[in-house]
Amino acid sequence: MNFIEKDKKLRFVRGLLAFYPLVTDPKTLIELDGWLKSVIKRAIRERNRLIAGQGLDPSKLYAVTENELLDGSWYKADVPNESILPSFVRGWRAARKFYKRYGLSEIQSPSYYTAISRYT
């Protein structure tokens, strides 16, 4: 987010993100964001069902709102972790901005798509 909103330079763009600047319409990425959110919400619901079914400590259940899931505020632990829900659209915005600002020379193609990767 710092790169998108505050112009802090990304160290690199590589892997799948290297292809993101080629996307011109984020509609599919928006749908993927919705899919990811839905899958995580269902996983939390299933986790809660399994914990409750085992008669385990109810304090282990998560009551996560959509906003908490998106902004990461649901995560409260002593171990610091990045808990903001990843976003395909946010990645796309950052990759496109990076590409427009620094060009292709700064973008590393994924090693699995380069000929040299067969020999390394």
C-alpha atoms as a PDB file:
ATOM      1  CA  MET A   1       0.000   0.000   0.000  1.00  0.00           C
ATOM      2  CA  ASN A   2       2.879   2.388   0.661  1.00  0.00           C
ATOM      3  CA  PHE A   3       3.906   2.202  -2.982  1.00  0.00           C
ATOM      4  CA  ILE A   4       0.419   2.855  -4.297  1.00  0.00           C
ATOM      5  CA  GLU A   5      -0.474   5.680  -1.942  1.00  0.00           C
ATOM      6  CA  LYS A   6       2.821   7.088  -0.651  1.00  0.00           C
ATOM      7  CA  ASP A   7       5.232   6.492  -3.561  1.00  0.00           C
ATOM      8  CA  LYS A   8       7.577   4.290  -1.565  1.00  0.00           C
ATOM      9  CA  LYS A   9       9.391   2.248  -4.234  1.00  0.00           C
ATOM     10  CA  LEU A  10       8.824  -1.489  -4.379  1.00  0.00           C
ATOM     11  CA  ARG A  11      12.039  -3.471  -4.232  1.00  0.00           C
ATOM     12  CA  PHE A  12      11.033  -5.605  -7.192  1.00  0.00           C
ATOM     13  CA  VAL A  13       8.149  -6.946  -9.193  1.00  0.00           C
ATOM     14  CA  ARG A  14       8.497 -10.582 -10.163  1.00  0.00           C
ATOM     15  CA  GLY A  15       6.633 -13.846 -10.433  1.00  0.00           C
ATOM     16  CA  LEU A  16       2.962 -13.677 -11.273  1.00  0.00           C
ATOM     17  CA  LEU A  17       2.965  -9.939 -10.567  1.00  0.00           C
ATOM     18  CA  ALA A  18       5.249  -9.499 -13.581  1.00  0.00           C
ATOM     19  CA  PHE A  19       2.252 -10.228 -15.810  1.00  0.00           C
ATOM     20  CA  TYR A  20      -0.214  -7.972 -14.000  1.00  0.00           C
ATOM     21  CA  PRO A  21       0.630  -4.814 -16.008  1.00  0.00           C
ATOM     22  CA  LEU A  22      -0.680  -6.632 -19.097  1.00  0.00           C
ATOM     23  CA  VAL A  23      -4.183  -6.714 -17.627  1.00  0.00           C
ATOM     24  CA  THR A  24      -6.206  -3.755 -18.868  1.00  0.00           C
ATOM     25  CA  ASP A  25      -9.565  -4.522 -17.264  1.00  0.00           C
ATOM     26  CA  PRO A  26      -9.505  -5.384 -13.552  1.00  0.00           C
ATOM     27  CA  LYS A  27     -12.995  -6.960 -13.638  1.00  0.00           C
ATOM     28  CA  THR A  28     -11.651 -10.506 -13.271  1.00  0.00           C
ATOM     29  CA  LEU A  29      -9.261  -9.429 -10.525  1.00  0.00           C
ATOM     30  CA  ILE A  30     -12.168  -7.838  -8.655  1.00  0.00           C
ATOM     31  CA  GLU A  31     -14.034 -11.133  -8.957  1.00  0.00           C
ATOM     32  CA  LEU A  32     -10.961 -12.997  -7.683  1.00  0.00           C
ATOM     33  CA  ASP A  33     -10.821 -10.677  -4.667  1.00  0.00           C
ATOM     34  CA  GLY A  34     -14.444 -11.558  -3.925  1.00  0.00           C
ATOM     35  CA  TRP A  35     -13.714 -15.255  -4.375  1.00  0.00           C
ATOM     36  CA  LEU A  36     -10.740 -15.111  -1.995  1.00  0.00           C
ATOM     37  CA  LYS A  37     -12.770 -13.290   0.642  1.00  0.00           C
ATOM     38  CA  SER A  38     -15.581 -15.826   0.285  1.00  0.00           C
ATOM     39  CA  VAL A  39     -13.228 -18.804   0.596  1.00  0.00           C
ATOM     40  CA  ILE A  40     -11.622 -17.408   3.733  1.00  0.00           C
ATOM     41  CA  LYS A  41     -14.997 -16.625   5.308  1.00  0.00           C
ATOM     42  CA  ARG A  42     -16.154 -20.189   4.587  1.00  0.00           C
ATOM     43  CA  ALA A  43     -12.908 -21.591   6.007  1.00  0.00           C
ATOM     44  CA  ILE A  44     -13.403 -19.607   9.223  1.00  0.00           C
ATOM     45  CA  ARG A  45     -17.008 -20.783   9.435  1.00  0.00           C
ATOM     46  CA  GLU A  46     -15.904 -24.406   8.954  1.00  0.00           C
ATOM     47  CA  ARG A  47     -13.111 -23.993  11.517  1.00  0.00           C
ATOM     48  CA  ASN A  48     -15.626 -22.687  14.043  1.00  0.00           C
ATOM     49  CA  ARG A  49     -18.001 -25.556  13.286  1.00  0.00           C
ATOM     50  CA  LEU A  50     -15.264 -28.135  13.831  1.00  0.00           C
ATOM     51  CA  ILE A  51     -14.084 -26.536  17.074  1.00  0.00           C
ATOM     52  CA  ALA A  52     -17.635 -26.299  18.410  1.00  0.00           C
ATOM     53  CA  GLY A  53     -18.312 -29.898  17.370  1.00  0.00           C
ATOM     54  CA  GLN A  54     -15.345 -31.113  19.385  1.00  0.00           C
ATOM     55  CA  GLY A  55     -16.568 -29.330  22.485  1.00  0.00           C
ATOM     56  CA  LEU A  56     -13.366 -27.312  22.646  1.00  0.00           C
ATOM     57  CA  ASP A  57     -12.891 -23.929  24.249  1.00  0.00           C
ATOM     58  CA  PRO A  58     -15.398 -21.494  22.663  1.00  0.00           C
ATOM     59  CA  SER A  59     -12.851 -18.685  23.032  1.00  0.00           C
ATOM     60  CA  LYS A  60     -11.002 -20.316  20.124  1.00  0.00           C
ATOM     61  CA  LEU A  61     -13.875 -19.445  17.783  1.00  0.00           C
ATOM     62  CA  TYR A  62     -13.457 -16.488  15.447  1.00  0.00           C
ATOM     63  CA  ALA A  63     -16.240 -13.969  15.064  1.00  0.00           C
ATOM     64  CA  VAL A  64     -14.781 -12.069  12.130  1.00  0.00           C
ATOM     65  CA  THR A  65     -16.645  -9.280  10.385  1.00  0.00           C
ATOM     66  CA  GLU A  66     -16.027  -8.521   6.737  1.00  0.00           C
ATOM     67  CA  ASN A  67     -14.221  -5.286   7.610  1.00  0.00           C
ATOM     68  CA  GLU A  68     -11.991  -7.068  10.128  1.00  0.00           C
ATOM     69  CA  LEU A  69     -11.142  -9.657   7.500  1.00  0.00           C
ATOM     70  CA  LEU A  70     -10.261  -6.984   4.943  1.00  0.00           C
ATOM     71  CA  ASP A  71      -8.212  -4.711   7.205  1.00  0.00           C
ATOM     72  CA  GLY A  72      -6.586  -7.451   9.281  1.00  0.00           C
ATOM     73  CA  SER A  73      -7.838  -6.176  12.618  1.00  0.00           C
ATOM     74  CA  TRP A  74      -9.199  -9.652  13.460  1.00  0.00           C
ATOM     75  CA  TYR A  75      -5.663 -10.819  14.208  1.00  0.00           C
ATOM     76  CA  LYS A  76      -4.725 -10.191  17.806  1.00  0.00           C
ATOM     77  CA  ALA A  77      -1.668 -12.104  18.951  1.00  0.00           C
ATOM     78  CA  ASP A  78       1.743 -11.525  20.452  1.00  0.00           C
ATOM     79  CA  VAL A  79       3.439 -12.555  17.218  1.00  0.00           C
ATOM     80  CA  PRO A  80       3.259  -9.715  14.682  1.00  0.00           C
ATOM     81  CA  ASN A  81       1.995 -10.782  11.264  1.00  0.00           C
ATOM     82  CA  GLU A  82       0.681  -9.057   8.177  1.00  0.00           C
ATOM     83  CA  SER A  83      -2.983  -9.944   8.362  1.00  0.00           C
ATOM     84  CA  ILE A  84      -4.548  -7.621   5.793  1.00  0.00           C
ATOM     85  CA  LEU A  85      -6.414  -9.712   3.251  1.00  0.00           C
ATOM     86  CA  PRO A  86      -4.324  -9.925   0.066  1.00  0.00           C
ATOM     87  CA  SER A  87      -5.879  -8.331  -2.986  1.00  0.00           C
ATOM     88  CA  PHE A  88      -5.395  -9.160  -6.636  1.00  0.00           C
ATOM     89  CA  VAL A  89      -6.546  -5.635  -7.514  1.00  0.00           C
ATOM     90  CA  ARG A  90      -4.072  -4.028  -5.112  1.00  0.00           C
ATOM     91  CA  GLY A  91      -1.281  -6.137  -6.622  1.00  0.00           C
ATOM     92  CA  TRP A  92      -2.398  -5.136 -10.108  1.00  0.00           C
ATOM     93  CA  ARG A  93      -2.455  -1.449  -9.190  1.00  0.00           C
ATOM     94  CA  ALA A  94       1.040  -1.650  -7.709  1.00  0.00           C
ATOM     95  CA  ALA A  95       2.450  -3.615 -10.663  1.00  0.00           C
ATOM     96  CA  ARG A  96       0.945  -1.227 -13.218  1.00  0.00           C
ATOM     97  CA  LYS A  97       2.219   1.807 -11.361  1.00  0.00           C
ATOM     98  CA  PHE A  98       5.657   0.209 -11.102  1.00  0.00           C
ATOM     99  CA  TYR A  99       5.650  -0.612 -14.836  1.00  0.00           C
ATOM    100  CA  LYS A 100       4.514   2.880 -15.845  1.00  0.00           C
ATOM    101  CA  ARG A 101       7.087   4.527 -13.608  1.00  0.00           C
ATOM    102  CA  TYR A 102      10.148   2.288 -14.128  1.00  0.00           C
ATOM    103  CA  GLY A 103       9.420   0.355 -17.322  1.00  0.00           C
ATOM    104  CA  LEU A 104       9.961  -3.287 -18.149  1.00  0.00           C
ATOM    105  CA  SER A 105      13.665  -3.302 -17.348  1.00  0.00           C
ATOM    106  CA  GLU A 106      12.900  -3.313 -13.615  1.00  0.00           C
ATOM    107  CA  ILE A 107      10.347  -6.147 -13.824  1.00  0.00           C
ATOM    108  CA  GLN A 108      11.723  -9.654 -13.405  1.00  0.00           C
ATOM    109  CA  SER A 109       9.941 -12.332 -15.376  1.00  0.00           C
ATOM    110  CA  PRO A 110       9.123 -15.487 -13.455  1.00  0.00           C
ATOM    111  CA  SER A 111      11.973 -17.980 -13.599  1.00  0.00           C
ATOM    112  CA  TYR A 112       9.589 -20.742 -14.629  1.00  0.00           C
ATOM    113  CA  TYR A 113       8.979 -18.885 -17.912  1.00  0.00           C
ATOM    114  CA  THR A 114      12.576 -18.260 -18.873  1.00  0.00           C
ATOM    115  CA  ALA A 115      14.770 -20.587 -20.895  1.00  0.00           C
ATOM    116  CA  ILE A 116      17.635 -20.244 -18.437  1.00  0.00           C
ATOM    117  CA  SER A 117      15.487 -21.731 -15.659  1.00  0.00           C
ATOM    118  CA  ARG A 118      15.814 -25.136 -17.314  1.00  0.00           C
ATOM    119  CA  TYR A 119      19.503 -25.116 -16.493  1.00  0.00           C
ATOM    120  CA  THR A 120      19.555 -23.672 -12.985  1.00  0.00           C
END
